């Protein structure tokens, strides 16, 4: 009987992959049996920033003079039309939430090797408004944060920082318009829980940093809080 179940399972998997082939979420090439989400080539060749090993890096400098943070990083560089952008598109707009979990878990291993990030107490995703969450089906930042929490010592803190206002998409907005679009829309529900803690605020992409800055401004007055930032990607040159 067990052999029959195994046979049926194998045949079902074969038919599924025949009609819905497993492909790399970055380059689109077919995956072999041992590969998940990314092919081995992309695992090795996607452009990592290694900013977690460089304290005064370009992502941290995005926030200089705007809000005081302890450290900042992004796992990948991305450019328009590149494989990292393909990966982000499949993650954010095609419902492949497992992409964010995998990237987060892999990145968490790397961050634990950095003195800047190994002391993180709480991992906080940039929140979505409930209307946008309903439309998208999941919060891409939360999936990334969940992956990080699987391999870091910090705990996922998912419902403390909330977005109270529904805003337009930030895509194609100028830096100033992005800032105005998200200014004063976030609230901390339990600030006492974060007092004296090192928090890692995470998002999928850092461009102008306006959304993250608005989140940090909601958090910054908590007594003795230490704030760091991480993202999946930042543009080449950032």
Protein backbone atom coordinates (compact mmCIF):
# COMPACT_ATOMS: atom_id res chain seq x y z
CA UNK A 1 0.00 0.00 0.00
CA UNK A 2 2.82 2.41 0.88
CA UNK A 3 4.46 1.69 -2.48
CA UNK A 4 1.21 2.59 -4.21
CA UNK A 5 1.08 5.96 -2.40
CA UNK A 6 4.71 6.65 -3.30
CA UNK A 7 4.01 5.76 -6.95
CA UNK A 8 0.94 8.06 -7.05
CA UNK A 9 2.89 10.88 -5.43
CA UNK A 10 5.74 10.54 -7.93
CA UNK A 11 3.34 10.46 -10.89
CA UNK A 12 1.48 13.53 -9.57
CA UNK A 13 4.77 15.41 -9.17
CA UNK A 14 5.80 14.41 -12.69
CA UNK A 15 2.51 15.65 -14.19
CA UNK A 16 2.66 18.88 -12.18
CA UNK A 17 6.18 19.64 -13.38
CA UNK A 18 5.23 18.70 -16.94
CA UNK A 19 2.52 21.37 -17.10
CA UNK A 20 4.03 23.76 -14.54
CA UNK A 21 7.80 23.35 -14.89
CA UNK A 22 9.99 24.40 -11.98
CA UNK A 23 12.15 27.31 -13.07
CA UNK A 24 14.67 29.61 -11.42
CA UNK A 25 12.88 32.70 -10.13
CA UNK A 26 15.80 34.89 -11.22
CA UNK A 27 16.93 33.66 -14.66
CA UNK A 28 13.99 31.49 -15.74
CA UNK A 29 16.02 28.35 -16.48
CA UNK A 30 14.69 24.94 -15.47
CA UNK A 31 15.63 23.77 -11.99
CA UNK A 32 17.13 20.36 -11.35
CA UNK A 33 15.80 18.10 -8.60
CA UNK A 34 18.11 19.39 -5.85
CA UNK A 35 17.44 23.09 -6.56
CA UNK A 36 14.70 25.26 -5.02
CA UNK A 37 13.71 28.82 -5.99
CA UNK A 38 17.15 29.62 -7.48
CA UNK A 39 19.40 27.63 -9.75
CA UNK A 40 22.95 26.97 -8.56
CA UNK A 41 24.36 29.50 -11.02
CA UNK A 42 22.15 32.30 -9.66
CA UNK A 43 22.84 31.25 -6.07
CA UNK A 44 26.51 31.89 -6.79
CA UNK A 45 26.36 34.76 -9.28
CA UNK A 46 23.57 37.10 -8.16
CA UNK A 47 25.35 40.34 -7.15
CA UNK A 48 25.64 40.38 -3.36
CA UNK A 49 26.58 43.67 -1.72
CA UNK A 50 28.32 42.23 1.37
CA UNK A 51 27.38 45.51 3.08
CA UNK A 52 26.86 43.66 6.37
CA UNK A 53 30.67 43.43 6.54
CA UNK A 54 31.15 47.16 5.85
CA UNK A 55 29.74 49.43 8.55
CA UNK A 56 29.81 52.76 6.69
CA UNK A 57 28.32 51.38 3.50
CA UNK A 58 26.20 53.14 0.82
CA UNK A 59 22.87 51.90 2.22
CA UNK A 60 23.69 53.30 5.65
CA UNK A 61 24.68 56.59 4.03
CA UNK A 62 21.18 56.85 2.50
CA UNK A 63 19.96 57.73 6.01
CA UNK A 64 22.80 60.08 7.01
CA UNK A 65 21.38 63.38 8.24
CA UNK A 66 17.84 62.02 8.10
CA UNK A 67 17.51 59.56 10.99
CA UNK A 68 20.04 57.98 13.34
CA UNK A 69 20.58 54.28 12.71
CA UNK A 70 23.19 51.84 13.96
CA UNK A 71 23.73 49.77 10.80
CA UNK A 72 22.18 49.02 7.41
CA UNK A 73 22.53 46.48 4.63
CA UNK A 74 20.95 44.92 1.56
CA UNK A 75 21.68 41.45 0.25
CA UNK A 76 21.71 42.17 -3.48
CA UNK A 77 22.42 44.96 -5.93
CA UNK A 78 19.76 45.28 -8.59
CA UNK A 79 19.49 47.06 -11.91
CA UNK A 80 16.61 47.43 -14.36
CA UNK A 81 16.13 44.30 -16.42
CA UNK A 82 18.58 42.25 -14.35
CA UNK A 83 18.04 38.90 -12.68
CA UNK A 84 17.62 40.43 -9.21
CA UNK A 85 14.78 42.57 -10.53
CA UNK A 86 13.23 39.42 -12.05
CA UNK A 87 13.50 37.73 -8.66
CA UNK A 88 11.84 40.67 -6.90
CA UNK A 89 9.06 40.82 -9.48
CA UNK A 90 8.28 37.12 -9.05
CA UNK A 91 8.27 37.61 -5.29
CA UNK A 92 6.24 40.78 -5.01
CA UNK A 93 3.76 40.58 -7.88
CA UNK A 94 3.36 36.90 -8.76
CA UNK A 95 2.54 35.55 -5.32
CA UNK A 96 5.72 33.54 -4.77
CA UNK A 97 6.01 34.32 -1.06
CA UNK A 98 8.47 31.44 -0.50
CA UNK A 99 11.09 33.51 -2.36
CA UNK A 100 11.23 36.03 0.49
CA UNK A 101 11.43 33.32 3.13
CA UNK A 102 14.36 31.62 1.38
CA UNK A 103 16.27 34.87 0.82
CA UNK A 104 15.70 35.86 4.44
CA UNK A 105 16.84 32.51 5.85
CA UNK A 106 19.97 32.49 3.67
CA UNK A 107 20.78 36.12 4.50
CA UNK A 108 20.22 35.54 8.21
CA UNK A 109 23.11 33.07 8.28
CA UNK A 110 25.36 35.75 6.80
CA UNK A 111 24.14 38.52 9.13
CA UNK A 112 24.93 36.40 12.18
CA UNK A 113 28.61 36.59 11.17
CA UNK A 114 28.55 40.40 11.46
CA UNK A 115 29.00 42.17 14.82
CA UNK A 116 26.57 44.82 13.58
CA UNK A 117 23.67 42.39 13.29
CA UNK A 118 24.28 39.45 15.62
CA UNK A 119 22.87 41.41 18.60
CA UNK A 120 19.43 42.02 17.02
CA UNK A 121 16.57 41.41 19.48
CA UNK A 122 13.55 41.96 17.23
CA UNK A 123 13.02 41.79 13.47
CA UNK A 124 10.25 44.15 12.35
CA UNK A 125 8.84 44.17 8.80
CA UNK A 126 7.64 47.39 7.19
CA UNK A 127 3.87 46.95 7.55
CA UNK A 128 1.24 47.04 4.83
CA UNK A 129 -2.16 48.66 5.30
CA UNK A 130 -4.85 45.98 5.66
CA UNK A 131 -6.44 47.02 2.35
CA UNK A 132 -3.20 46.50 0.42
CA UNK A 133 -2.54 43.27 2.32
CA UNK A 134 -5.94 41.99 1.21
CA UNK A 135 -5.20 42.88 -2.41
CA UNK A 136 -1.69 41.36 -2.45
CA UNK A 137 -2.38 38.36 -0.22
CA UNK A 138 0.82 38.68 1.82
CA UNK A 139 3.27 41.29 3.07
CA UNK A 140 6.53 40.79 1.19
CA UNK A 141 8.52 42.44 3.99
CA UNK A 142 6.98 40.09 6.56
CA UNK A 143 7.95 37.02 4.50
CA UNK A 144 11.53 38.29 4.30
CA UNK A 145 11.49 39.05 8.04
CA UNK A 146 10.12 35.59 8.80
CA UNK A 147 12.99 34.00 6.85
CA UNK A 148 15.52 36.12 8.75
CA UNK A 149 13.99 35.06 12.08
CA UNK A 150 14.56 31.40 11.20
CA UNK A 151 18.36 31.79 11.17
CA UNK A 152 18.99 34.81 13.42
CA UNK A 153 18.68 35.12 17.19
CA UNK A 154 16.17 37.98 16.85
CA UNK A 155 12.44 37.29 17.15
CA UNK A 156 9.86 38.31 14.55
CA UNK A 157 7.81 41.25 15.86
CA UNK A 158 4.97 41.41 13.39
CA UNK A 159 2.11 43.47 14.85
CA UNK A 160 3.75 46.20 16.92
CA UNK A 161 4.53 48.66 14.14
CA UNK A 162 1.36 49.31 12.12
CA UNK A 163 0.38 51.40 9.10
CA UNK A 164 -2.74 53.44 9.83
CA UNK A 165 -3.18 55.16 6.46
CA UNK A 166 -3.68 53.63 3.01
CA UNK A 167 -1.26 55.29 0.57
CA UNK A 168 -0.61 55.21 -3.15
CA UNK A 169 2.20 53.07 -4.52
CA UNK A 170 5.67 54.62 -4.28
CA UNK A 171 6.63 53.46 -7.78
CA UNK A 172 7.60 56.34 -10.11
CA UNK A 173 7.33 58.96 -7.37
CA UNK A 174 10.13 61.45 -6.75
CA UNK A 175 12.07 61.36 -3.48
CA UNK A 176 10.06 64.30 -2.09
CA UNK A 177 6.74 62.81 -3.18
CA UNK A 178 7.71 59.47 -1.64
CA UNK A 179 8.49 61.22 1.65
CA UNK A 180 5.16 63.09 1.66
CA UNK A 181 3.30 59.91 0.74
CA UNK A 182 4.40 58.02 3.86
CA UNK A 183 5.06 60.78 6.40
CA UNK A 184 3.33 60.18 9.77
CA UNK A 185 1.41 57.08 8.69
CA UNK A 186 3.03 54.54 11.07
CA UNK A 187 2.32 53.90 14.75
CA UNK A 188 3.97 51.77 17.45
CA UNK A 189 1.38 49.86 19.51
CA UNK A 190 3.65 48.59 22.32
CA UNK A 191 6.69 50.87 22.60
CA UNK A 192 7.62 49.51 26.06
CA UNK A 193 8.37 46.12 24.51
CA UNK A 194 11.09 47.71 22.38
CA UNK A 195 12.72 49.83 25.09
CA UNK A 196 16.48 49.22 25.18
CA UNK A 197 16.29 46.70 22.32
CA UNK A 198 18.19 46.37 19.06
CA UNK A 199 15.57 46.22 16.31
CA UNK A 200 16.12 45.28 12.67
CA UNK A 201 13.60 47.00 10.39
CA UNK A 202 13.29 45.19 7.07
CA UNK A 203 11.82 45.89 3.64
CA UNK A 204 12.11 44.29 0.22
CA UNK A 205 13.89 47.19 -1.56
CA UNK A 206 15.66 50.35 -0.42
CA UNK A 207 15.69 53.13 -3.04
CA UNK A 208 15.18 56.60 -1.56
CA UNK A 209 14.61 55.12 1.92
CA UNK A 210 11.48 57.24 2.48
CA UNK A 211 9.22 54.44 3.72
CA UNK A 212 11.84 53.07 6.08
CA UNK A 213 12.63 56.59 7.29
CA UNK A 214 8.96 57.10 8.17
CA UNK A 215 8.97 53.82 10.13
CA UNK A 216 12.17 54.76 11.94
CA UNK A 217 10.70 58.15 12.87
CA UNK A 218 7.81 56.31 14.53
CA UNK A 219 10.29 54.20 16.51
CA UNK A 220 13.12 56.61 17.29
CA UNK A 221 11.73 58.17 20.49
CA UNK A 222 11.54 54.83 22.30
CA UNK A 223 14.01 54.96 25.19
CA UNK A 224 17.45 53.48 24.40
CA UNK A 225 16.31 51.81 21.21
CA UNK A 226 18.99 50.79 18.69
CA UNK A 227 17.78 50.71 15.09
CA UNK A 228 19.23 48.85 12.11
CA UNK A 229 17.91 48.29 8.60
CA UNK A 230 18.05 45.42 6.10
CA UNK A 231 16.55 44.87 2.65
CA UNK A 232 16.62 42.24 -0.03
CA UNK A 233 18.03 44.66 -2.57
CA UNK A 234 19.20 48.18 -3.32
CA UNK A 235 19.95 49.78 -6.69
CA UNK A 236 23.46 49.47 -8.13
CA UNK A 237 25.48 52.35 -6.69
CA UNK A 238 23.46 52.47 -3.47
